[in-house]
């Protein structure tokens, strides 16, 4: 991230060199993993949670191409559900890339990049793109 960047949310992700990771948490009692992080386990109600760095790859479970403008995205834009290796299914913007047609089951990789512009600041967040 650059100095003029604003993260979409604090503690959601980390960029380490050329790799990005989502930051979730795991219940130390039952092992359930959550993203975004939760104050207590929704499975066993324990408050004993530890931060975990989630893998940066997944598979496209489902997606849609939106053709209506939203507050921050101009159509057409893609969003979808990504199945992570840790067993989580998360909702994410999807970066379409030249030469890749989105299809269910395709390998995806996490990227941290600009989502939209607010004045002179870039709002950055996580999104997935097809693995080249």
C-alpha atoms as a PDB file:
ATOM      1  CA  UNK A   1       0.000   0.000   0.000  1.00  0.00           C
ATOM      2  CA  UNK A   2       1.034   3.582  -0.603  1.00  0.00           C
ATOM      3  CA  UNK A   3       0.880   6.554   1.791  1.00  0.00           C
ATOM      4  CA  UNK A   4      -2.304   7.863   0.138  1.00  0.00           C
ATOM      5  CA  UNK A   5      -4.078   4.494   0.542  1.00  0.00           C
ATOM      6  CA  UNK A   6      -6.952   3.824   2.937  1.00  0.00           C
ATOM      7  CA  UNK A   7      -7.691   0.162   3.733  1.00  0.00           C
ATOM      8  CA  UNK A   8     -11.342  -0.868   3.338  1.00  0.00           C
ATOM      9  CA  UNK A   9     -11.133  -2.229   6.886  1.00  0.00           C
ATOM     10  CA  UNK A  10      -8.448  -2.456   9.541  1.00  0.00           C
ATOM     11  CA  UNK A  11      -6.897  -5.875  10.078  1.00  0.00           C
ATOM     12  CA  UNK A  12      -8.618  -7.625   7.155  1.00  0.00           C
ATOM     13  CA  UNK A  13      -5.511  -8.312   5.090  1.00  0.00           C
ATOM     14  CA  UNK A  14      -1.756  -8.009   4.925  1.00  0.00           C
ATOM     15  CA  UNK A  15       0.599  -7.627   1.978  1.00  0.00           C
ATOM     16  CA  UNK A  16       3.971  -9.365   2.342  1.00  0.00           C
ATOM     17  CA  UNK A  17       6.169  -8.762  -0.661  1.00  0.00           C
ATOM     18  CA  UNK A  18       4.327 -10.051  -3.716  1.00  0.00           C
ATOM     19  CA  UNK A  19       1.853 -12.162  -1.684  1.00  0.00           C
ATOM     20  CA  UNK A  20      -1.320 -11.087   0.059  1.00  0.00           C
ATOM     21  CA  UNK A  21      -3.157 -12.815   2.897  1.00  0.00           C
ATOM     22  CA  UNK A  22      -6.503 -12.362   4.570  1.00  0.00           C
ATOM     23  CA  UNK A  23      -6.415 -12.165   8.366  1.00  0.00           C
ATOM     24  CA  UNK A  24      -9.070 -14.173  10.162  1.00  0.00           C
ATOM     25  CA  UNK A  25      -9.228 -15.902  13.494  1.00  0.00           C
ATOM     26  CA  UNK A  26      -9.528 -19.421  14.871  1.00  0.00           C
ATOM     27  CA  UNK A  27     -11.248 -20.658  17.986  1.00  0.00           C
ATOM     28  CA  UNK A  28      -8.640 -22.306  20.223  1.00  0.00           C
ATOM     29  CA  UNK A  29     -11.384 -24.518  21.723  1.00  0.00           C
ATOM     30  CA  UNK A  30     -13.033 -26.076  18.661  1.00  0.00           C
ATOM     31  CA  UNK A  31     -10.792 -24.964  15.760  1.00  0.00           C
ATOM     32  CA  UNK A  32     -13.482 -23.133  13.769  1.00  0.00           C
ATOM     33  CA  UNK A  33     -11.984 -20.457  11.473  1.00  0.00           C
ATOM     34  CA  UNK A  34     -13.679 -17.139  10.703  1.00  0.00           C
ATOM     35  CA  UNK A  35     -13.249 -14.287   8.245  1.00  0.00           C
ATOM     36  CA  UNK A  36     -13.576 -11.522   9.042  1.00  0.00           C
ATOM     37  CA  UNK A  37     -12.420 -12.043  12.617  1.00  0.00           C
ATOM     38  CA  UNK A  38     -15.108 -12.529  15.263  1.00  0.00           C
ATOM     39  CA  UNK A  39     -15.017 -11.591  18.974  1.00  0.00           C
ATOM     40  CA  UNK A  40     -16.156 -15.107  19.957  1.00  0.00           C
ATOM     41  CA  UNK A  41     -16.740 -18.473  18.285  1.00  0.00           C
ATOM     42  CA  UNK A  42     -20.129 -18.795  16.610  1.00  0.00           C
ATOM     43  CA  UNK A  43     -19.830 -22.597  16.891  1.00  0.00           C
ATOM     44  CA  UNK A  44     -18.996 -23.136  20.583  1.00  0.00           C
ATOM     45  CA  UNK A  45     -19.304 -19.583  22.035  1.00  0.00           C
ATOM     46  CA  UNK A  46     -15.716 -19.539  23.316  1.00  0.00           C
ATOM     47  CA  UNK A  47     -14.004 -16.146  23.477  1.00  0.00           C
ATOM     48  CA  UNK A  48     -10.579 -17.788  23.134  1.00  0.00           C
ATOM     49  CA  UNK A  49      -9.677 -16.727  19.608  1.00  0.00           C
ATOM     50  CA  UNK A  50      -6.310 -16.428  17.862  1.00  0.00           C
ATOM     51  CA  UNK A  51      -5.416 -14.545  14.685  1.00  0.00           C
ATOM     52  CA  UNK A  52      -4.604 -16.639  11.622  1.00  0.00           C
ATOM     53  CA  UNK A  53      -3.200 -15.765   8.233  1.00  0.00           C
ATOM     54  CA  UNK A  54      -5.371 -17.405   5.570  1.00  0.00           C
ATOM     55  CA  UNK A  55      -3.999 -18.832   2.343  1.00  0.00           C
ATOM     56  CA  UNK A  56      -4.119 -16.607  -0.711  1.00  0.00           C
ATOM     57  CA  UNK A  57      -5.697 -19.081  -3.132  1.00  0.00           C
ATOM     58  CA  UNK A  58      -9.146 -20.499  -3.579  1.00  0.00           C
ATOM     59  CA  UNK A  59     -11.690 -21.787  -6.067  1.00  0.00           C
ATOM     60  CA  UNK A  60     -14.541 -19.829  -7.561  1.00  0.00           C
ATOM     61  CA  UNK A  61     -17.748 -21.281  -6.093  1.00  0.00           C
ATOM     62  CA  UNK A  62     -20.224 -18.856  -7.669  1.00  0.00           C
ATOM     63  CA  UNK A  63     -20.252 -15.403  -9.249  1.00  0.00           C
ATOM     64  CA  UNK A  64     -22.375 -12.795 -10.927  1.00  0.00           C
ATOM     65  CA  UNK A  65     -21.723  -9.931 -13.293  1.00  0.00           C
ATOM     66  CA  UNK A  66     -23.522  -6.813 -12.111  1.00  0.00           C
ATOM     67  CA  UNK A  67     -24.883  -4.447 -14.737  1.00  0.00           C
ATOM     68  CA  UNK A  68     -26.340  -1.834 -12.368  1.00  0.00           C
ATOM     69  CA  UNK A  69     -24.083   0.894 -10.974  1.00  0.00           C
ATOM     70  CA  UNK A  70     -23.388   0.879  -7.253  1.00  0.00           C
ATOM     71  CA  UNK A  71     -21.996   3.594  -5.007  1.00  0.00           C
ATOM     72  CA  UNK A  72     -18.379   2.697  -5.806  1.00  0.00           C
ATOM     73  CA  UNK A  73     -18.390   0.357  -8.808  1.00  0.00           C
ATOM     74  CA  UNK A  74     -19.296   1.042 -12.405  1.00  0.00           C
ATOM     75  CA  UNK A  75     -20.805  -1.816 -14.418  1.00  0.00           C
ATOM     76  CA  UNK A  76     -20.065  -4.343 -15.471  1.00  0.00           C
ATOM     77  CA  UNK A  77     -18.282  -5.648 -12.382  1.00  0.00           C
ATOM     78  CA  UNK A  78     -17.989  -9.130 -10.920  1.00  0.00           C
ATOM     79  CA  UNK A  79     -18.505 -10.384  -7.374  1.00  0.00           C
ATOM     80  CA  UNK A  80     -18.600 -13.915  -6.102  1.00  0.00           C
ATOM     81  CA  UNK A  81     -18.013 -16.558  -3.482  1.00  0.00           C
ATOM     82  CA  UNK A  82     -14.533 -18.051  -3.139  1.00  0.00           C
ATOM     83  CA  UNK A  83     -13.855 -21.373  -1.392  1.00  0.00           C
ATOM     84  CA  UNK A  84     -10.587 -21.089   0.536  1.00  0.00           C
ATOM     85  CA  UNK A  85      -8.314 -24.019   1.374  1.00  0.00           C
ATOM     86  CA  UNK A  86      -9.132 -23.548   5.080  1.00  0.00           C
ATOM     87  CA  UNK A  87     -12.759 -24.516   4.429  1.00  0.00           C
ATOM     88  CA  UNK A  88     -14.181 -20.989   4.416  1.00  0.00           C
ATOM     89  CA  UNK A  89     -16.391 -19.552   1.699  1.00  0.00           C
ATOM     90  CA  UNK A  90     -16.016 -15.786   1.452  1.00  0.00           C
ATOM     91  CA  UNK A  91     -17.702 -13.082  -0.625  1.00  0.00           C
ATOM     92  CA  UNK A  92     -15.348 -10.894  -2.643  1.00  0.00           C
ATOM     93  CA  UNK A  93     -15.051  -8.526  -5.564  1.00  0.00           C
ATOM     94  CA  UNK A  94     -13.533 -10.328  -8.548  1.00  0.00           C
ATOM     95  CA  UNK A  95     -10.992  -8.723 -10.824  1.00  0.00           C
ATOM     96  CA  UNK A  96     -11.652  -9.741 -14.378  1.00  0.00           C
ATOM     97  CA  UNK A  97      -8.470 -10.268 -16.354  1.00  0.00           C
ATOM     98  CA  UNK A  98      -7.880 -10.181 -20.071  1.00  0.00           C
ATOM     99  CA  UNK A  99      -8.099 -13.626 -21.647  1.00  0.00           C
ATOM    100  CA  UNK A 100      -9.867 -15.286 -18.688  1.00  0.00           C
ATOM    101  CA  UNK A 101     -13.555 -16.108 -18.782  1.00  0.00           C
ATOM    102  CA  UNK A 102     -14.922 -16.655 -15.270  1.00  0.00           C
ATOM    103  CA  UNK A 103     -16.116 -20.208 -14.646  1.00  0.00           C
ATOM    104  CA  UNK A 104     -17.175 -22.132 -11.561  1.00  0.00           C
ATOM    105  CA  UNK A 105     -14.310 -24.131 -10.049  1.00  0.00           C
ATOM    106  CA  UNK A 106     -11.486 -22.063 -11.532  1.00  0.00           C
ATOM    107  CA  UNK A 107      -8.444 -21.347  -9.376  1.00  0.00           C
ATOM    108  CA  UNK A 108      -8.349 -17.832  -7.934  1.00  0.00           C
ATOM    109  CA  UNK A 109      -5.624 -15.827  -6.210  1.00  0.00           C
ATOM    110  CA  UNK A 110      -5.944 -12.972  -3.719  1.00  0.00           C
ATOM    111  CA  UNK A 111      -4.783  -9.480  -4.683  1.00  0.00           C
ATOM    112  CA  UNK A 112      -4.783  -6.257  -2.699  1.00  0.00           C
ATOM    113  CA  UNK A 113      -5.494  -3.261  -4.894  1.00  0.00           C
ATOM    114  CA  UNK A 114      -7.549  -0.116  -5.389  1.00  0.00           C
ATOM    115  CA  UNK A 115     -11.292  -0.638  -5.095  1.00  0.00           C
ATOM    116  CA  UNK A 116     -12.285   3.011  -5.639  1.00  0.00           C
ATOM    117  CA  UNK A 117     -11.025   6.588  -5.301  1.00  0.00           C
ATOM    118  CA  UNK A 118     -12.102   9.068  -2.588  1.00  0.00           C
ATOM    119  CA  UNK A 119     -10.651  12.477  -3.397  1.00  0.00           C
ATOM    120  CA  UNK A 120      -6.870  12.081  -3.459  1.00  0.00           C
ATOM    121  CA  UNK A 121      -7.001   8.779  -1.514  1.00  0.00           C
ATOM    122  CA  UNK A 122      -7.243   5.267  -2.901  1.00  0.00           C
ATOM    123  CA  UNK A 123      -9.475   2.879  -0.965  1.00  0.00           C
ATOM    124  CA  UNK A 124      -7.724  -0.488  -1.165  1.00  0.00           C
ATOM    125  CA  UNK A 125      -9.086  -3.887  -0.334  1.00  0.00           C
ATOM    126  CA  UNK A 126      -9.009  -7.543  -1.169  1.00  0.00           C
ATOM    127  CA  UNK A 127     -10.271  -9.060  -4.357  1.00  0.00           C
ATOM    128  CA  UNK A 128      -9.661 -12.273  -6.244  1.00  0.00           C
ATOM    129  CA  UNK A 129      -8.564 -12.778  -9.811  1.00  0.00           C
ATOM    130  CA  UNK A 130      -8.188 -15.881 -11.960  1.00  0.00           C
ATOM    131  CA  UNK A 131      -4.854 -17.607 -11.420  1.00  0.00           C
ATOM    132  CA  UNK A 132      -2.820 -17.198 -14.611  1.00  0.00           C
END
